[in-house]
Amino acid sequence: MTDQEIELLLNQALKDMFYSVLRLQEKSVSKLANGNLSRTEMHALEIVQDLPEATLTQIADILGITKATVSVSVNRLVEKGFLVKTRAENDGRKSILKLTEAGEAMCKKHTQFHDMLIRAVMRDFQVSQYPEVLQSMQALVNFFNNLRV
């Protein structure tokens, strides 16, 4: 197989994987929230869950989107009852975000979806292959995290 053929196959595999994951996440989030959440909103909830005093700037940086886009998503999440927004005590310009009970429940459901995906992936490999699969996935993550476009 030539380098060009390998590049074409790798390109197709990456596109297929990327679009498959996006479709799965979109369907999962829609199903879990009865069509009431977008994928971006779900990711914002996950970040708030992971950070003790999450801010709009932190969410924007992690998701790689503008602060204005995050602000729109966060305001929707507040309206939908998944988040509460309060002013930081030491800086009144900064909003601190916290999950409501509904937000925590949604994050729990989404974590269960991720767990199901991982178990499904693991079923397709033998235990002896796990280290190689993990190493390959970590290499891809590092590659994409360090890629500058």
C-alpha atoms as a PDB file:
ATOM      1  CA  MET A   1       0.000   0.000   0.000  1.00  0.00           C
ATOM      2  CA  THR A   2       1.367   3.430  -0.918  1.00  0.00           C
ATOM      3  CA  ASP A   3       1.683   6.384   1.442  1.00  0.00           C
ATOM      4  CA  GLN A   4      -1.018   8.176  -0.548  1.00  0.00           C
ATOM      5  CA  GLU A   5      -3.428   5.230  -0.179  1.00  0.00           C
ATOM      6  CA  ILE A   6      -2.746   5.074   3.566  1.00  0.00           C
ATOM      7  CA  GLU A   7      -3.360   8.831   3.868  1.00  0.00           C
ATOM      8  CA  LEU A   8      -6.684   8.484   2.036  1.00  0.00           C
ATOM      9  CA  LEU A   9      -7.777   5.589   4.267  1.00  0.00           C
ATOM     10  CA  LEU A  10      -6.702   7.404   7.431  1.00  0.00           C
ATOM     11  CA  ASN A  11      -8.520  10.550   6.309  1.00  0.00           C
ATOM     12  CA  GLN A  12     -11.704   8.579   5.666  1.00  0.00           C
ATOM     13  CA  ALA A  13     -11.430   6.714   8.982  1.00  0.00           C
ATOM     14  CA  LEU A  14     -10.972   9.958  10.942  1.00  0.00           C
ATOM     15  CA  LYS A  15     -13.921  11.609   9.196  1.00  0.00           C
ATOM     16  CA  ASP A  16     -16.107   8.550   9.742  1.00  0.00           C
ATOM     17  CA  MET A  17     -15.161   8.368  13.431  1.00  0.00           C
ATOM     18  CA  PHE A  18     -15.643  12.108  13.957  1.00  0.00           C
ATOM     19  CA  TYR A  19     -19.075  12.195  12.328  1.00  0.00           C
ATOM     20  CA  SER A  20     -20.176   8.983  14.058  1.00  0.00           C
ATOM     21  CA  VAL A  21     -19.279  10.393  17.467  1.00  0.00           C
ATOM     22  CA  LEU A  22     -21.039  13.686  16.686  1.00  0.00           C
ATOM     23  CA  ARG A  23     -24.202  11.877  15.547  1.00  0.00           C
ATOM     24  CA  LEU A  24     -24.170   9.594  18.595  1.00  0.00           C
ATOM     25  CA  GLN A  25     -23.728  12.519  20.959  1.00  0.00           C
ATOM     26  CA  GLU A  26     -26.405  14.575  19.238  1.00  0.00           C
ATOM     27  CA  LYS A  27     -28.904  11.696  19.407  1.00  0.00           C
ATOM     28  CA  SER A  28     -27.979  10.873  22.997  1.00  0.00           C
ATOM     29  CA  VAL A  29     -28.272  14.449  24.247  1.00  0.00           C
ATOM     30  CA  SER A  30     -31.545  14.947  22.382  1.00  0.00           C
ATOM     31  CA  LYS A  31     -32.974  11.708  23.775  1.00  0.00           C
ATOM     32  CA  LEU A  32     -31.784  12.333  27.349  1.00  0.00           C
ATOM     33  CA  ALA A  33     -33.203  15.859  27.397  1.00  0.00           C
ATOM     34  CA  ASN A  34     -36.284  15.251  25.240  1.00  0.00           C
ATOM     35  CA  GLY A  35     -34.860  17.561  22.576  1.00  0.00           C
ATOM     36  CA  ASN A  36     -34.337  20.306  25.154  1.00  0.00           C
ATOM     37  CA  LEU A  37     -30.498  20.514  25.000  1.00  0.00           C
ATOM     38  CA  SER A  38     -27.907  21.047  22.302  1.00  0.00           C
ATOM     39  CA  ARG A  39     -24.566  19.242  22.260  1.00  0.00           C
ATOM     40  CA  THR A  40     -22.807  22.521  23.159  1.00  0.00           C
ATOM     41  CA  GLU A  41     -25.144  23.027  26.108  1.00  0.00           C
ATOM     42  CA  MET A  42     -24.443  19.486  27.329  1.00  0.00           C
ATOM     43  CA  HIS A  43     -20.696  20.064  27.080  1.00  0.00           C
ATOM     44  CA  ALA A  44     -21.088  23.306  29.036  1.00  0.00           C
ATOM     45  CA  LEU A  45     -22.928  21.381  31.774  1.00  0.00           C
ATOM     46  CA  GLU A  46     -20.112  18.807  31.887  1.00  0.00           C
ATOM     47  CA  ILE A  47     -17.517  21.557  32.315  1.00  0.00           C
ATOM     48  CA  VAL A  48     -19.513  23.196  35.111  1.00  0.00           C
ATOM     49  CA  GLN A  49     -19.740  19.784  36.771  1.00  0.00           C
ATOM     50  CA  ASP A  50     -15.952  19.362  36.573  1.00  0.00           C
ATOM     51  CA  LEU A  51     -14.949  22.867  37.718  1.00  0.00           C
ATOM     52  CA  PRO A  52     -15.820  24.062  41.236  1.00  0.00           C
ATOM     53  CA  GLU A  53     -16.383  27.697  40.191  1.00  0.00           C
ATOM     54  CA  ALA A  54     -16.802  27.579  36.426  1.00  0.00           C
ATOM     55  CA  THR A  55     -16.865  30.827  34.464  1.00  0.00           C
ATOM     56  CA  LEU A  56     -17.948  31.723  30.937  1.00  0.00           C
ATOM     57  CA  THR A  57     -14.307  32.281  29.970  1.00  0.00           C
ATOM     58  CA  GLN A  58     -13.260  28.834  31.189  1.00  0.00           C
ATOM     59  CA  ILE A  59     -16.062  27.149  29.261  1.00  0.00           C
ATOM     60  CA  ALA A  60     -15.215  29.126  26.108  1.00  0.00           C
ATOM     61  CA  ASP A  61     -11.527  28.212  26.408  1.00  0.00           C
ATOM     62  CA  ILE A  62     -12.216  24.515  26.964  1.00  0.00           C
ATOM     63  CA  LEU A  63     -14.771  24.249  24.153  1.00  0.00           C
ATOM     64  CA  GLY A  64     -12.758  26.468  21.812  1.00  0.00           C
ATOM     65  CA  ILE A  65     -15.708  28.735  21.062  1.00  0.00           C
ATOM     66  CA  THR A  66     -16.344  32.421  21.655  1.00  0.00           C
ATOM     67  CA  LYS A  67     -17.397  33.788  25.003  1.00  0.00           C
ATOM     68  CA  ALA A  68     -20.480  35.276  23.293  1.00  0.00           C
ATOM     69  CA  THR A  69     -21.566  31.820  22.078  1.00  0.00           C
ATOM     70  CA  VAL A  70     -21.043  30.386  25.564  1.00  0.00           C
ATOM     71  CA  SER A  71     -23.013  33.266  27.063  1.00  0.00           C
ATOM     72  CA  VAL A  72     -26.006  32.466  24.836  1.00  0.00           C
ATOM     73  CA  SER A  73     -25.804  28.753  25.749  1.00  0.00           C
ATOM     74  CA  VAL A  74     -25.435  29.484  29.466  1.00  0.00           C
ATOM     75  CA  ASN A  75     -28.402  31.870  29.448  1.00  0.00           C
ATOM     76  CA  ARG A  76     -30.495  29.144  27.793  1.00  0.00           C
ATOM     77  CA  LEU A  77     -29.322  26.632  30.410  1.00  0.00           C
ATOM     78  CA  VAL A  78     -30.329  29.036  33.182  1.00  0.00           C
ATOM     79  CA  GLU A  79     -33.771  29.520  31.560  1.00  0.00           C
ATOM     80  CA  LYS A  80     -34.183  25.747  31.204  1.00  0.00           C
ATOM     81  CA  GLY A  81     -33.331  25.241  34.880  1.00  0.00           C
ATOM     82  CA  PHE A  82     -30.029  23.371  34.440  1.00  0.00           C
ATOM     83  CA  LEU A  83     -27.701  26.125  35.743  1.00  0.00           C
ATOM     84  CA  VAL A  84     -27.683  28.998  38.190  1.00  0.00           C
ATOM     85  CA  LYS A  85     -25.498  32.029  37.654  1.00  0.00           C
ATOM     86  CA  THR A  86     -24.178  34.143  40.528  1.00  0.00           C
ATOM     87  CA  ARG A  87     -21.704  37.008  40.730  1.00  0.00           C
ATOM     88  CA  ALA A  88     -18.230  36.263  42.083  1.00  0.00           C
ATOM     89  CA  GLU A  89     -17.726  37.774  45.538  1.00  0.00           C
ATOM     90  CA  ASN A  90     -14.286  39.155  44.699  1.00  0.00           C
ATOM     91  CA  ASP A  91     -15.150  40.386  41.173  1.00  0.00           C
ATOM     92  CA  GLY A  92     -18.703  41.503  40.412  1.00  0.00           C
ATOM     93  CA  ARG A  93     -18.009  41.373  36.656  1.00  0.00           C
ATOM     94  CA  LYS A  94     -17.451  37.621  36.772  1.00  0.00           C
ATOM     95  CA  SER A  95     -20.302  35.082  36.804  1.00  0.00           C
ATOM     96  CA  ILE A  96     -19.886  31.801  38.662  1.00  0.00           C
ATOM     97  CA  LEU A  97     -21.901  28.898  37.298  1.00  0.00           C
ATOM     98  CA  LYS A  98     -23.344  26.006  39.296  1.00  0.00           C
ATOM     99  CA  LEU A  99     -25.480  23.043  38.335  1.00  0.00           C
ATOM    100  CA  THR A 100     -29.035  22.801  39.601  1.00  0.00           C
ATOM    101  CA  GLU A 101     -30.469  19.420  40.597  1.00  0.00           C
ATOM    102  CA  ALA A 102     -31.782  19.087  37.042  1.00  0.00           C
ATOM    103  CA  GLY A 103     -28.304  19.901  35.695  1.00  0.00           C
ATOM    104  CA  GLU A 104     -26.707  17.318  37.986  1.00  0.00           C
ATOM    105  CA  ALA A 105     -29.254  14.708  36.889  1.00  0.00           C
ATOM    106  CA  MET A 106     -28.564  15.463  33.217  1.00  0.00           C
ATOM    107  CA  CYS A 107     -24.797  15.169  33.764  1.00  0.00           C
ATOM    108  CA  LYS A 108     -25.321  11.841  35.524  1.00  0.00           C
ATOM    109  CA  LYS A 109     -27.368  10.524  32.585  1.00  0.00           C
ATOM    110  CA  HIS A 110     -24.744  11.747  30.115  1.00  0.00           C
ATOM    111  CA  THR A 111     -21.950  10.113  32.140  1.00  0.00           C
ATOM    112  CA  GLN A 112     -23.900   6.854  32.003  1.00  0.00           C
ATOM    113  CA  PHE A 113     -24.069   7.238  28.205  1.00  0.00           C
ATOM    114  CA  HIS A 114     -20.275   7.708  28.068  1.00  0.00           C
ATOM    115  CA  ASP A 115     -19.799   4.665  30.307  1.00  0.00           C
ATOM    116  CA  MET A 116     -21.981   2.603  27.976  1.00  0.00           C
ATOM    117  CA  LEU A 117     -19.885   3.717  24.986  1.00  0.00           C
ATOM    118  CA  ILE A 118     -16.653   2.743  26.726  1.00  0.00           C
ATOM    119  CA  ARG A 119     -18.028  -0.684  27.661  1.00  0.00           C
ATOM    120  CA  ALA A 120     -19.143  -1.182  24.046  1.00  0.00           C
ATOM    121  CA  VAL A 121     -15.681  -0.261  22.736  1.00  0.00           C
ATOM    122  CA  MET A 122     -14.007  -2.554  25.256  1.00  0.00           C
ATOM    123  CA  ARG A 123     -16.193  -5.490  24.192  1.00  0.00           C
ATOM    124  CA  ASP A 124     -14.739  -5.261  20.685  1.00  0.00           C
ATOM    125  CA  PHE A 125     -11.162  -5.752  21.924  1.00  0.00           C
ATOM    126  CA  GLN A 126      -9.390  -8.413  23.905  1.00  0.00           C
ATOM    127  CA  VAL A 127      -7.997  -7.409  27.304  1.00  0.00           C
ATOM    128  CA  SER A 128      -4.480  -7.806  25.925  1.00  0.00           C
ATOM    129  CA  GLN A 129      -5.275  -5.113  23.316  1.00  0.00           C
ATOM    130  CA  TYR A 130      -6.462  -2.471  25.820  1.00  0.00           C
ATOM    131  CA  PRO A 131      -3.017  -0.870  26.359  1.00  0.00           C
ATOM    132  CA  GLU A 132      -2.477  -0.535  22.600  1.00  0.00           C
ATOM    133  CA  VAL A 133      -5.966   0.905  22.047  1.00  0.00           C
ATOM    134  CA  LEU A 134      -5.483   3.375  24.894  1.00  0.00           C
ATOM    135  CA  GLN A 135      -2.043   4.385  23.627  1.00  0.00           C
ATOM    136  CA  SER A 136      -3.418   4.955  20.119  1.00  0.00           C
ATOM    137  CA  MET A 137      -6.328   7.031  21.414  1.00  0.00           C
ATOM    138  CA  GLN A 138      -4.011   9.104  23.615  1.00  0.00           C
ATOM    139  CA  ALA A 139      -1.715   9.695  20.630  1.00  0.00           C
ATOM    140  CA  LEU A 140      -4.693  10.962  18.603  1.00  0.00           C
ATOM    141  CA  VAL A 141      -5.836  13.214  21.450  1.00  0.00           C
ATOM    142  CA  ASN A 142      -2.316  14.641  21.809  1.00  0.00           C
ATOM    143  CA  PHE A 143      -2.086  15.149  18.057  1.00  0.00           C
ATOM    144  CA  PHE A 144      -5.362  17.065  17.865  1.00  0.00           C
ATOM    145  CA  ASN A 145      -4.618  19.073  21.024  1.00  0.00           C
ATOM    146  CA  ASN A 146      -1.274  20.190  19.584  1.00  0.00           C
ATOM    147  CA  LEU A 147      -2.466  20.773  16.018  1.00  0.00           C
ATOM    148  CA  ARG A 148      -2.411  24.437  15.028  1.00  0.00           C
ATOM    149  CA  VAL A 149      -4.561  25.578  12.129  1.00  0.00           C
END
